[in-house]
C-alpha cells in the first residue's frame, strides 16, 4: 500500500507515473471452502500466490487480500498485459481454482478522469470496473 500510495502521488510527467495493476479475484471464496474444505482452499490460494509471484519479474510486486490478488508492474505495453493475462488464466486452471467465477483485470495507470486520493480508494475503484477476462466455474468439475 505504501508503494502504491507513492506511485499515485507522482506527477503525470514523472517516469514513475505510468504503471500497470492486475487484479485477479476469485469471486466466491465460500464456494472454494465448501468445494475443497477451508484448509485446502487456503492452501490452493497460497499456492496460486506463490506461482503468481514466481512468474513475474523481481521488480513487480504481488499482494493479496483474502481471495483477491494484485500485481503491480512498472511496464504497461499491450504485449506484456496479454502475456500476463494468459499466464494467470493457466495458473488458475492448473490449481483447480476454476470451480468459482474468476475475473482478471489489467489497468494502466494513471487513470483518466478518476479522483484517486490514495491506494485504498484506487483498489476499491478498480474493483468496481469491468474485468478484462471473466470466466465462470469449469463445467463437470470432479474433485479427485
N, C-alpha and C. Protein backbone atom coordinates (compact mmCIF):
# COMPACT_ATOMS: atom_id res chain seq x y z
N UNK A 1 0.81 -1.18 0.00
CA UNK A 1 0.00 0.00 0.00
C UNK A 1 0.87 1.26 0.00
N UNK A 2 1.98 1.19 0.70
CA UNK A 2 2.86 2.35 0.76
C UNK A 2 3.42 2.66 -0.63
N UNK A 3 3.87 1.64 -1.35
CA UNK A 3 4.41 1.84 -2.70
C UNK A 3 3.32 2.38 -3.63
N UNK A 4 2.14 1.82 -3.54
CA UNK A 4 1.04 2.26 -4.39
C UNK A 4 0.66 3.71 -4.07
N UNK A 5 0.61 4.07 -2.79
CA UNK A 5 0.35 5.47 -2.42
C UNK A 5 1.41 6.39 -3.03
N UNK A 6 2.66 5.99 -2.95
CA UNK A 6 3.75 6.80 -3.50
C UNK A 6 3.58 6.97 -5.02
N UNK A 7 3.26 5.88 -5.72
CA UNK A 7 3.08 5.95 -7.17
C UNK A 7 1.91 6.86 -7.56
N UNK A 8 0.82 6.79 -6.82
CA UNK A 8 -0.34 7.62 -7.12
C UNK A 8 -0.02 9.09 -7.01
N UNK A 9 0.86 9.43 -6.12
CA UNK A 9 1.18 10.84 -5.87
C UNK A 9 2.23 11.41 -6.83
N UNK A 10 2.70 10.60 -7.77
CA UNK A 10 3.70 11.09 -8.73
C UNK A 10 3.06 12.07 -9.72
N UNK A 11 3.83 13.02 -10.16
CA UNK A 11 3.34 13.95 -11.17
C UNK A 11 3.14 13.21 -12.48
N UNK A 12 2.17 13.64 -13.31
CA UNK A 12 1.88 12.94 -14.57
C UNK A 12 3.08 12.84 -15.51
N UNK A 13 4.02 13.76 -15.43
CA UNK A 13 5.18 13.70 -16.33
C UNK A 13 6.34 12.90 -15.74
N UNK A 14 6.15 12.33 -14.57
CA UNK A 14 7.20 11.54 -13.92
C UNK A 14 7.34 10.19 -14.62
N UNK A 15 8.56 9.68 -14.61
CA UNK A 15 8.82 8.35 -15.18
C UNK A 15 8.10 7.26 -14.38
N UNK A 16 7.74 7.57 -13.15
CA UNK A 16 7.09 6.59 -12.28
C UNK A 16 5.56 6.67 -12.31
N UNK A 17 5.01 7.59 -13.07
CA UNK A 17 3.56 7.80 -13.03
C UNK A 17 2.79 6.76 -13.84
N UNK A 18 3.43 6.08 -14.77
CA UNK A 18 2.74 5.07 -15.57
C UNK A 18 3.14 3.68 -15.09
N UNK A 19 2.13 2.89 -14.75
CA UNK A 19 2.36 1.52 -14.31
C UNK A 19 1.10 0.73 -14.58
N UNK A 20 1.18 -0.57 -14.40
CA UNK A 20 0.04 -1.45 -14.66
C UNK A 20 -0.28 -2.20 -13.37
N UNK A 21 -1.57 -2.32 -13.10
CA UNK A 21 -2.00 -3.04 -11.91
C UNK A 21 -2.99 -4.12 -12.35
N UNK A 22 -2.65 -5.37 -12.06
CA UNK A 22 -3.51 -6.50 -12.37
C UNK A 22 -4.32 -6.87 -11.12
N UNK A 23 -5.59 -7.15 -11.31
CA UNK A 23 -6.46 -7.60 -10.21
C UNK A 23 -7.01 -8.97 -10.60
N UNK A 24 -6.70 -9.98 -9.79
CA UNK A 24 -7.22 -11.33 -10.01
C UNK A 24 -8.11 -11.65 -8.82
N UNK A 25 -9.40 -11.83 -9.08
CA UNK A 25 -10.35 -12.02 -7.99
C UNK A 25 -11.10 -13.33 -8.13
N UNK A 26 -11.00 -14.16 -7.11
CA UNK A 26 -11.82 -15.36 -7.01
C UNK A 26 -13.07 -14.90 -6.27
N UNK A 27 -14.17 -14.82 -7.00
CA UNK A 27 -15.31 -14.05 -6.55
C UNK A 27 -16.21 -14.73 -5.53
N UNK A 28 -15.98 -15.99 -5.23
CA UNK A 28 -16.81 -16.65 -4.24
C UNK A 28 -15.95 -17.57 -3.37
N UNK A 29 -15.22 -16.98 -2.42
CA UNK A 29 -14.34 -17.81 -1.59
C UNK A 29 -15.09 -18.86 -0.76
N UNK A 30 -16.39 -18.59 -0.47
CA UNK A 30 -17.16 -19.57 0.29
C UNK A 30 -17.32 -20.87 -0.52
N UNK A 31 -17.50 -20.75 -1.83
CA UNK A 31 -17.61 -21.93 -2.68
C UNK A 31 -16.30 -22.69 -2.71
N UNK A 32 -15.18 -21.97 -2.73
CA UNK A 32 -13.87 -22.64 -2.66
C UNK A 32 -13.79 -23.45 -1.37
N UNK A 33 -14.20 -22.84 -0.26
CA UNK A 33 -14.15 -23.52 1.03
C UNK A 33 -15.06 -24.73 1.08
N UNK A 34 -16.26 -24.62 0.51
CA UNK A 34 -17.18 -25.76 0.56
C UNK A 34 -16.79 -26.84 -0.44
N UNK A 35 -16.09 -26.47 -1.52
CA UNK A 35 -15.66 -27.45 -2.51
C UNK A 35 -14.45 -28.24 -2.03
N UNK A 36 -13.46 -27.54 -1.50
CA UNK A 36 -12.20 -28.19 -1.13
C UNK A 36 -12.03 -28.38 0.37
N UNK A 37 -12.84 -27.71 1.16
CA UNK A 37 -12.59 -27.61 2.59
C UNK A 37 -11.76 -26.36 2.82
N UNK A 38 -11.95 -25.73 3.95
CA UNK A 38 -11.30 -24.44 4.20
C UNK A 38 -9.77 -24.52 4.12
N UNK A 39 -9.20 -25.54 4.72
CA UNK A 39 -7.74 -25.66 4.74
C UNK A 39 -7.17 -25.86 3.34
N UNK A 40 -7.79 -26.74 2.54
CA UNK A 40 -7.29 -27.00 1.19
C UNK A 40 -7.53 -25.79 0.29
N UNK A 41 -8.65 -25.09 0.46
CA UNK A 41 -8.90 -23.89 -0.33
C UNK A 41 -7.83 -22.83 -0.04
N UNK A 42 -7.50 -22.65 1.24
CA UNK A 42 -6.46 -21.68 1.61
C UNK A 42 -5.11 -22.11 1.06
N UNK A 43 -4.82 -23.42 1.11
CA UNK A 43 -3.55 -23.92 0.56
C UNK A 43 -3.47 -23.64 -0.93
N UNK A 44 -4.57 -23.87 -1.66
CA UNK A 44 -4.59 -23.62 -3.10
C UNK A 44 -4.42 -22.14 -3.41
N UNK A 45 -5.06 -21.27 -2.64
CA UNK A 45 -4.88 -19.83 -2.84
C UNK A 45 -3.45 -19.41 -2.55
N UNK A 46 -2.87 -19.96 -1.48
CA UNK A 46 -1.46 -19.68 -1.17
C UNK A 46 -0.55 -20.16 -2.30
N UNK A 47 -0.85 -21.34 -2.82
CA UNK A 47 -0.06 -21.90 -3.92
C UNK A 47 -0.19 -21.02 -5.17
N UNK A 48 -1.40 -20.55 -5.44
CA UNK A 48 -1.61 -19.65 -6.58
C UNK A 48 -0.77 -18.38 -6.40
N UNK A 49 -0.77 -17.82 -5.20
CA UNK A 49 0.03 -16.63 -4.94
C UNK A 49 1.51 -16.87 -5.14
N UNK A 50 1.99 -18.02 -4.69
CA UNK A 50 3.40 -18.37 -4.87
C UNK A 50 3.73 -18.53 -6.35
N UNK A 51 2.87 -19.23 -7.11
CA UNK A 51 3.09 -19.40 -8.55
C UNK A 51 3.04 -18.05 -9.27
N UNK A 52 2.09 -17.22 -8.89
CA UNK A 52 1.98 -15.90 -9.50
C UNK A 52 3.24 -15.09 -9.25
N UNK A 53 3.71 -15.08 -8.02
CA UNK A 53 4.92 -14.33 -7.68
C UNK A 53 6.14 -14.87 -8.40
N UNK A 54 6.17 -16.17 -8.67
CA UNK A 54 7.34 -16.75 -9.35
C UNK A 54 7.32 -16.47 -10.86
N UNK A 55 6.17 -16.09 -11.41
CA UNK A 55 6.11 -15.83 -12.86
C UNK A 55 6.38 -14.38 -13.21
N UNK A 56 6.31 -13.49 -12.21
CA UNK A 56 6.55 -12.08 -12.51
C UNK A 56 8.02 -11.74 -12.30
N UNK A 57 8.39 -10.58 -12.78
CA UNK A 57 9.78 -10.15 -12.62
C UNK A 57 10.05 -9.69 -11.19
N UNK A 58 11.31 -9.60 -10.83
CA UNK A 58 11.67 -9.20 -9.47
C UNK A 58 11.25 -7.76 -9.18
N UNK A 59 11.04 -6.95 -10.19
CA UNK A 59 10.62 -5.56 -9.99
C UNK A 59 9.11 -5.44 -9.80
N UNK A 60 8.37 -6.51 -10.02
CA UNK A 60 6.93 -6.49 -9.85
C UNK A 60 6.57 -6.85 -8.41
N UNK A 61 5.46 -6.32 -7.93
CA UNK A 61 5.01 -6.61 -6.57
C UNK A 61 3.70 -7.40 -6.63
N UNK A 62 3.57 -8.40 -5.77
CA UNK A 62 2.35 -9.19 -5.69
C UNK A 62 1.81 -9.05 -4.26
N UNK A 63 0.52 -8.76 -4.16
CA UNK A 63 -0.12 -8.64 -2.85
C UNK A 63 -1.44 -9.42 -2.88
N UNK A 64 -1.96 -9.69 -1.70
CA UNK A 64 -3.19 -10.48 -1.62
C UNK A 64 -4.09 -9.95 -0.52
N UNK A 65 -5.40 -9.92 -0.81
CA UNK A 65 -6.43 -9.63 0.18
C UNK A 65 -7.42 -10.79 0.11
N UNK A 66 -7.32 -11.74 1.00
CA UNK A 66 -8.12 -12.96 1.06
C UNK A 66 -8.12 -13.69 -0.28
N UNK A 67 -9.10 -13.47 -1.14
CA UNK A 67 -9.15 -14.19 -2.43
C UNK A 67 -8.96 -13.26 -3.62
N UNK A 68 -8.39 -12.08 -3.36
CA UNK A 68 -8.09 -11.12 -4.43
C UNK A 68 -6.58 -10.88 -4.43
N UNK A 69 -5.98 -11.05 -5.62
CA UNK A 69 -4.54 -10.85 -5.78
C UNK A 69 -4.30 -9.62 -6.64
N UNK A 70 -3.24 -8.88 -6.31
CA UNK A 70 -2.86 -7.69 -7.07
C UNK A 70 -1.42 -7.84 -7.50
N UNK A 71 -1.12 -7.49 -8.74
CA UNK A 71 0.26 -7.47 -9.22
C UNK A 71 0.53 -6.09 -9.80
N UNK A 72 1.54 -5.45 -9.29
CA UNK A 72 1.93 -4.12 -9.72
C UNK A 72 3.19 -4.24 -10.57
N UNK A 73 3.13 -3.72 -11.77
CA UNK A 73 4.27 -3.81 -12.68
C UNK A 73 4.56 -2.45 -13.29
N UNK A 74 5.84 -2.09 -13.43
CA UNK A 74 6.17 -0.77 -13.96
C UNK A 74 5.95 -0.63 -15.46
N UNK A 75 5.82 -1.71 -16.17
CA UNK A 75 5.63 -1.63 -17.62
C UNK A 75 4.18 -1.86 -17.97
N UNK A 76 3.72 -1.21 -19.03
CA UNK A 76 2.30 -1.31 -19.36
C UNK A 76 2.03 -1.54 -20.83
N UNK A 77 2.95 -2.10 -21.58
CA UNK A 77 2.64 -2.28 -23.01
C UNK A 77 1.68 -3.46 -23.20
N UNK A 78 0.96 -3.42 -24.29
CA UNK A 78 -0.11 -4.39 -24.52
C UNK A 78 0.38 -5.83 -24.63
N UNK A 79 1.59 -6.04 -25.11
CA UNK A 79 2.14 -7.39 -25.23
C UNK A 79 2.36 -8.01 -23.85
N UNK A 80 2.89 -7.23 -22.92
CA UNK A 80 3.10 -7.73 -21.56
C UNK A 80 1.76 -8.02 -20.90
N UNK A 81 0.80 -7.11 -21.07
CA UNK A 81 -0.53 -7.31 -20.48
C UNK A 81 -1.16 -8.60 -21.01
N UNK A 82 -1.13 -8.80 -22.31
CA UNK A 82 -1.72 -10.00 -22.91
C UNK A 82 -1.02 -11.26 -22.40
N UNK A 83 0.28 -11.24 -22.34
CA UNK A 83 1.05 -12.39 -21.87
C UNK A 83 0.72 -12.71 -20.41
N UNK A 84 0.65 -11.69 -19.58
CA UNK A 84 0.34 -11.89 -18.16
C UNK A 84 -1.06 -12.46 -17.97
N UNK A 85 -2.02 -11.95 -18.72
CA UNK A 85 -3.39 -12.46 -18.60
C UNK A 85 -3.44 -13.94 -18.94
N UNK A 86 -2.75 -14.35 -19.99
CA UNK A 86 -2.71 -15.76 -20.37
C UNK A 86 -2.08 -16.62 -19.28
N UNK A 87 -0.97 -16.13 -18.69
CA UNK A 87 -0.29 -16.87 -17.62
C UNK A 87 -1.20 -17.04 -16.41
N UNK A 88 -1.91 -15.98 -16.06
CA UNK A 88 -2.78 -16.02 -14.89
C UNK A 88 -3.89 -17.05 -15.08
N UNK A 89 -4.53 -17.02 -16.24
CA UNK A 89 -5.63 -17.96 -16.51
C UNK A 89 -5.13 -19.40 -16.43
N UNK A 90 -3.93 -19.67 -16.97
CA UNK A 90 -3.37 -21.02 -16.92
C UNK A 90 -3.13 -21.47 -15.47
N UNK A 91 -2.62 -20.58 -14.63
CA UNK A 91 -2.33 -20.92 -13.23
C UNK A 91 -3.63 -21.24 -12.47
N UNK A 92 -4.69 -20.47 -12.75
CA UNK A 92 -5.97 -20.71 -12.11
C UNK A 92 -6.46 -22.11 -12.44
N UNK A 93 -6.37 -22.48 -13.70
CA UNK A 93 -6.84 -23.80 -14.13
C UNK A 93 -5.96 -24.91 -13.57
N UNK A 94 -4.63 -24.70 -13.53
CA UNK A 94 -3.70 -25.72 -13.02
C UNK A 94 -4.04 -26.12 -11.59
N UNK A 95 -4.43 -25.16 -10.78
CA UNK A 95 -4.67 -25.42 -9.36
C UNK A 95 -6.11 -25.79 -9.04
N UNK A 96 -6.93 -25.90 -10.07
CA UNK A 96 -8.33 -26.27 -9.85
C UNK A 96 -9.16 -25.17 -9.24
N UNK A 97 -8.65 -23.94 -9.26
CA UNK A 97 -9.39 -22.82 -8.69
C UNK A 97 -10.47 -22.30 -9.63
N UNK A 98 -10.60 -22.93 -10.77
CA UNK A 98 -11.61 -22.50 -11.73
C UNK A 98 -12.99 -23.08 -11.40
N UNK A 99 -13.18 -23.53 -10.16
CA UNK A 99 -14.50 -24.01 -9.74
C UNK A 99 -15.40 -22.83 -9.33
N UNK A 100 -14.81 -21.66 -9.21
CA UNK A 100 -15.59 -20.45 -8.89
C UNK A 100 -15.35 -19.42 -9.98
N UNK A 101 -16.29 -18.48 -10.13
CA UNK A 101 -16.05 -17.40 -11.09
C UNK A 101 -14.78 -16.65 -10.71
N UNK A 102 -14.02 -16.28 -11.71
CA UNK A 102 -12.78 -15.55 -11.52
C UNK A 102 -12.73 -14.41 -12.52
N UNK A 103 -12.26 -13.27 -12.09
CA UNK A 103 -12.12 -12.15 -13.02
C UNK A 103 -10.69 -11.65 -12.94
N UNK A 104 -10.17 -11.25 -14.09
CA UNK A 104 -8.82 -10.72 -14.17
C UNK A 104 -8.91 -9.37 -14.88
N UNK A 105 -8.44 -8.35 -14.22
CA UNK A 105 -8.42 -7.02 -14.81
C UNK A 105 -7.00 -6.51 -14.92
N UNK A 106 -6.73 -5.79 -15.97
CA UNK A 106 -5.42 -5.15 -16.16
C UNK A 106 -5.69 -3.67 -16.35
N UNK A 107 -5.13 -2.86 -15.49
CA UNK A 107 -5.41 -1.43 -15.51
C UNK A 107 -4.12 -0.65 -15.66
N UNK A 108 -4.07 0.22 -16.67
CA UNK A 108 -2.91 1.08 -16.89
C UNK A 108 -3.17 2.39 -16.16
N UNK A 109 -2.23 2.78 -15.36
CA UNK A 109 -2.38 4.00 -14.59
C UNK A 109 -1.35 5.03 -15.02
N UNK A 110 -1.60 6.31 -14.88
CA UNK A 110 -2.73 6.89 -14.16
C UNK A 110 -4.03 6.75 -14.94
N UNK A 111 -5.13 6.63 -14.19
CA UNK A 111 -6.45 6.54 -14.79
C UNK A 111 -6.94 7.95 -15.14
N UNK A 112 -7.49 8.07 -16.33
CA UNK A 112 -8.05 9.36 -16.73
C UNK A 112 -9.38 9.57 -16.04
N UNK A 113 -9.66 10.78 -15.66
CA UNK A 113 -10.94 11.19 -15.08
C UNK A 113 -11.28 10.48 -13.79
N UNK A 114 -10.30 10.00 -13.07
CA UNK A 114 -10.57 9.34 -11.80
C UNK A 114 -9.94 10.17 -10.68
N UNK A 115 -10.73 10.46 -9.67
CA UNK A 115 -10.24 11.17 -8.50
C UNK A 115 -9.75 10.13 -7.48
N UNK A 116 -8.45 9.92 -7.47
CA UNK A 116 -7.87 8.91 -6.60
C UNK A 116 -7.06 9.61 -5.52
N UNK A 117 -7.44 9.42 -4.27
CA UNK A 117 -6.77 10.10 -3.17
C UNK A 117 -5.78 9.20 -2.43
N UNK A 118 -5.82 7.91 -2.69
CA UNK A 118 -4.91 7.01 -2.01
C UNK A 118 -5.07 5.59 -2.52
N UNK A 119 -4.22 4.70 -2.02
CA UNK A 119 -4.18 3.32 -2.50
C UNK A 119 -5.50 2.59 -2.26
N UNK A 120 -6.09 2.73 -1.07
CA UNK A 120 -7.34 2.02 -0.77
C UNK A 120 -8.45 2.49 -1.69
N UNK A 121 -8.54 3.79 -1.96
CA UNK A 121 -9.55 4.33 -2.87
C UNK A 121 -9.33 3.79 -4.28
N UNK A 122 -8.07 3.72 -4.70
CA UNK A 122 -7.74 3.19 -6.02
C UNK A 122 -8.16 1.73 -6.14
N UNK A 123 -7.81 0.91 -5.17
CA UNK A 123 -8.15 -0.51 -5.23
C UNK A 123 -9.66 -0.73 -5.23
N UNK A 124 -10.37 0.04 -4.43
CA UNK A 124 -11.84 -0.07 -4.42
C UNK A 124 -12.42 0.37 -5.77
N UNK A 125 -11.85 1.41 -6.35
CA UNK A 125 -12.32 1.89 -7.66
C UNK A 125 -12.07 0.83 -8.74
N UNK A 126 -10.89 0.25 -8.75
CA UNK A 126 -10.56 -0.78 -9.76
C UNK A 126 -11.46 -2.00 -9.60
N UNK A 127 -11.81 -2.35 -8.37
CA UNK A 127 -12.68 -3.49 -8.14
C UNK A 127 -14.07 -3.27 -8.74
N UNK A 128 -14.46 -2.01 -8.91
CA UNK A 128 -15.78 -1.71 -9.47
C UNK A 128 -15.78 -1.63 -11.00
N UNK A 129 -14.61 -1.64 -11.62
CA UNK A 129 -14.52 -1.56 -13.08
C UNK A 129 -14.71 -2.94 -13.70
N UNK A 130 -15.18 -3.00 -14.95
CA UNK A 130 -15.32 -4.31 -15.60
C UNK A 130 -13.96 -4.98 -15.79
N UNK A 131 -13.95 -6.29 -15.65
CA UNK A 131 -12.72 -7.06 -15.82
C UNK A 131 -12.42 -7.27 -17.30
N UNK A 132 -11.15 -7.49 -17.62
CA UNK A 132 -10.75 -7.79 -18.99
C UNK A 132 -11.06 -9.24 -19.34
N UNK A 133 -10.86 -10.11 -18.37
CA UNK A 133 -11.17 -11.54 -18.52
C UNK A 133 -12.12 -11.91 -17.41
N UNK A 134 -13.13 -12.64 -17.74
CA UNK A 134 -14.03 -13.16 -16.72
C UNK A 134 -14.39 -14.57 -17.14
N UNK A 135 -14.17 -15.50 -16.27
CA UNK A 135 -14.57 -16.86 -16.62
C UNK A 135 -15.27 -17.50 -15.43
N UNK A 136 -16.25 -18.30 -15.75
CA UNK A 136 -17.07 -18.95 -14.74
C UNK A 136 -16.47 -20.26 -14.32
N UNK A 137 -17.17 -20.96 -13.45
CA UNK A 137 -16.68 -22.25 -12.98
C UNK A 137 -16.56 -23.25 -14.12
N UNK A 138 -15.61 -24.14 -14.01
CA UNK A 138 -15.46 -25.21 -15.00
C UNK A 138 -16.67 -26.12 -14.88
N UNK A 139 -17.16 -26.58 -16.00
CA UNK A 139 -18.31 -27.47 -16.01
C UNK A 139 -17.86 -28.91 -15.78
N UNK A 140 -18.70 -29.66 -15.10
CA UNK A 140 -18.42 -31.08 -14.82
C UNK A 140 -17.10 -31.28 -14.09
N UNK A 141 -16.77 -30.37 -13.20
CA UNK A 141 -15.53 -30.45 -12.46
C UNK A 141 -15.66 -31.53 -11.39
N UNK A 142 -14.74 -32.45 -11.38
CA UNK A 142 -14.76 -33.52 -10.37
C UNK A 142 -13.52 -33.37 -9.50
N UNK A 143 -13.72 -33.40 -8.22
CA UNK A 143 -12.60 -33.29 -7.29
C UNK A 143 -12.03 -34.67 -7.06
N UNK A 144 -10.72 -34.77 -7.25
CA UNK A 144 -10.10 -36.08 -7.05
C UNK A 144 -9.43 -36.15 -5.70
